[in-house]
Amino acid sequence: MPEDAEVGVYAGFASVWRTQESFVLDFATEVRPPEVAQDPDSGSRYVHVPARVVARVRIPPGQVWELMKALEKNLSAYERDAGARRDDA
């Protein structure tokens, strides 16, 4: 791994989508405070969070289950150590 990438990047949001060949995980961070916006078609109001993708990771479908198991195992260990997770985090 390149030395300048070792520390990683912070991402407060994640989005998952897929193609025929891979699952794509986009990690993003806020660039400005959230703002209330209005949908021009429906008139519905919503909270818009201006964000920038800081990392995009593509994984083959066969790795998705392994990633899910690793996340579950680590989240369970985290909850044992730090207490129950917060739904707003």
Protein backbone atom coordinates (compact mmCIF):
# COMPACT_ATOMS: atom_id res chain seq x y z
CA MET A 1 0.00 0.00 0.00
CA PRO A 2 1.39 3.45 -0.81
CA GLU A 3 2.57 5.22 2.32
CA ASP A 4 0.31 8.23 1.72
CA ALA A 5 -2.75 5.91 1.69
CA GLU A 6 -1.96 4.09 4.95
CA VAL A 7 -3.89 6.48 7.18
CA GLY A 8 -7.06 6.13 5.10
CA VAL A 9 -9.79 8.70 4.61
CA TYR A 10 -12.84 9.57 6.72
CA ALA A 11 -16.26 8.79 5.29
CA GLY A 12 -19.50 9.55 7.11
CA PHE A 13 -21.67 7.97 4.42
CA ALA A 14 -21.62 4.84 2.31
CA SER A 15 -23.62 3.85 -0.73
CA VAL A 16 -23.77 0.43 -2.36
CA TRP A 17 -24.74 -0.28 -5.95
CA ARG A 18 -23.95 -3.00 -8.45
CA THR A 19 -23.21 -3.82 -12.03
CA GLN A 20 -23.28 -7.24 -13.70
CA GLU A 21 -19.61 -7.70 -12.81
CA SER A 22 -19.19 -6.16 -9.36
CA PHE A 23 -20.62 -4.54 -6.27
CA VAL A 24 -19.54 -0.94 -5.83
CA LEU A 25 -19.10 0.72 -2.45
CA ASP A 26 -18.89 4.50 -2.54
CA PHE A 27 -17.65 6.18 0.63
CA ALA A 28 -18.41 9.89 0.97
CA THR A 29 -17.96 12.80 3.34
CA GLU A 30 -19.99 15.98 3.82
CA VAL A 31 -18.56 19.05 2.11
CA ARG A 32 -21.09 21.56 3.49
CA PRO A 33 -23.80 21.46 6.15
CA PRO A 34 -27.08 19.77 5.19
CA GLU A 35 -29.72 22.05 3.68
CA VAL A 36 -33.46 21.79 3.14
CA ALA A 37 -34.35 21.52 -0.55
CA GLN A 38 -37.55 21.12 -2.51
CA ASP A 39 -38.25 18.67 -5.31
CA PRO A 40 -39.35 20.75 -8.33
CA ASP A 41 -41.70 18.02 -9.62
CA SER A 42 -43.49 16.95 -6.45
CA GLY A 43 -42.93 19.97 -4.23
CA SER A 44 -41.77 17.62 -1.46
CA ARG A 45 -39.16 19.01 0.89
CA TYR A 46 -36.12 16.93 1.77
CA VAL A 47 -32.72 17.32 3.40
CA HIS A 48 -29.91 17.57 0.85
CA VAL A 49 -26.46 16.62 2.14
CA PRO A 50 -23.73 17.96 -0.16
CA ALA A 51 -21.08 15.24 -0.17
CA ARG A 52 -18.02 14.10 -2.09
CA VAL A 53 -17.06 10.50 -2.79
CA VAL A 54 -13.64 10.00 -1.20
CA ALA A 55 -13.22 6.33 -2.14
CA ARG A 56 -14.88 3.88 -4.51
CA VAL A 57 -14.25 0.18 -4.01
CA ARG A 58 -15.36 -2.48 -6.49
CA ILE A 59 -15.59 -6.07 -5.30
CA PRO A 60 -16.63 -9.24 -7.13
CA PRO A 61 -20.00 -10.74 -6.13
CA GLY A 62 -18.27 -13.72 -4.52
CA GLN A 63 -16.60 -11.44 -1.97
CA VAL A 64 -19.84 -9.79 -0.79
CA TRP A 65 -20.72 -12.60 1.64
CA GLU A 66 -17.20 -12.60 3.05
CA LEU A 67 -17.35 -8.83 3.56
CA MET A 68 -20.77 -9.07 5.22
CA LYS A 69 -19.54 -11.79 7.60
CA ALA A 70 -16.43 -9.78 8.49
CA LEU A 71 -18.50 -6.64 9.14
CA GLU A 72 -20.98 -8.58 11.32
CA LYS A 73 -18.17 -10.19 13.32
CA ASN A 74 -16.43 -6.88 13.90
CA LEU A 75 -19.64 -4.99 14.71
CA SER A 76 -20.56 -7.64 17.29
CA ALA A 77 -17.12 -7.35 18.89
CA TYR A 78 -17.40 -3.54 18.87
CA GLU A 79 -20.82 -3.70 20.56
CA ARG A 80 -19.45 -6.06 23.23
CA ASP A 81 -16.61 -3.63 23.94
CA ALA A 82 -18.36 -0.27 23.52
CA GLY A 83 -22.00 -1.07 24.24
CA ALA A 84 -24.98 -1.22 21.93
CA ARG A 85 -24.71 0.65 18.65
CA ARG A 86 -26.39 3.98 18.13
CA ASP A 87 -28.88 4.04 15.27
CA ASP A 88 -28.04 7.69 14.50
CA ALA A 89 -24.33 7.06 14.01
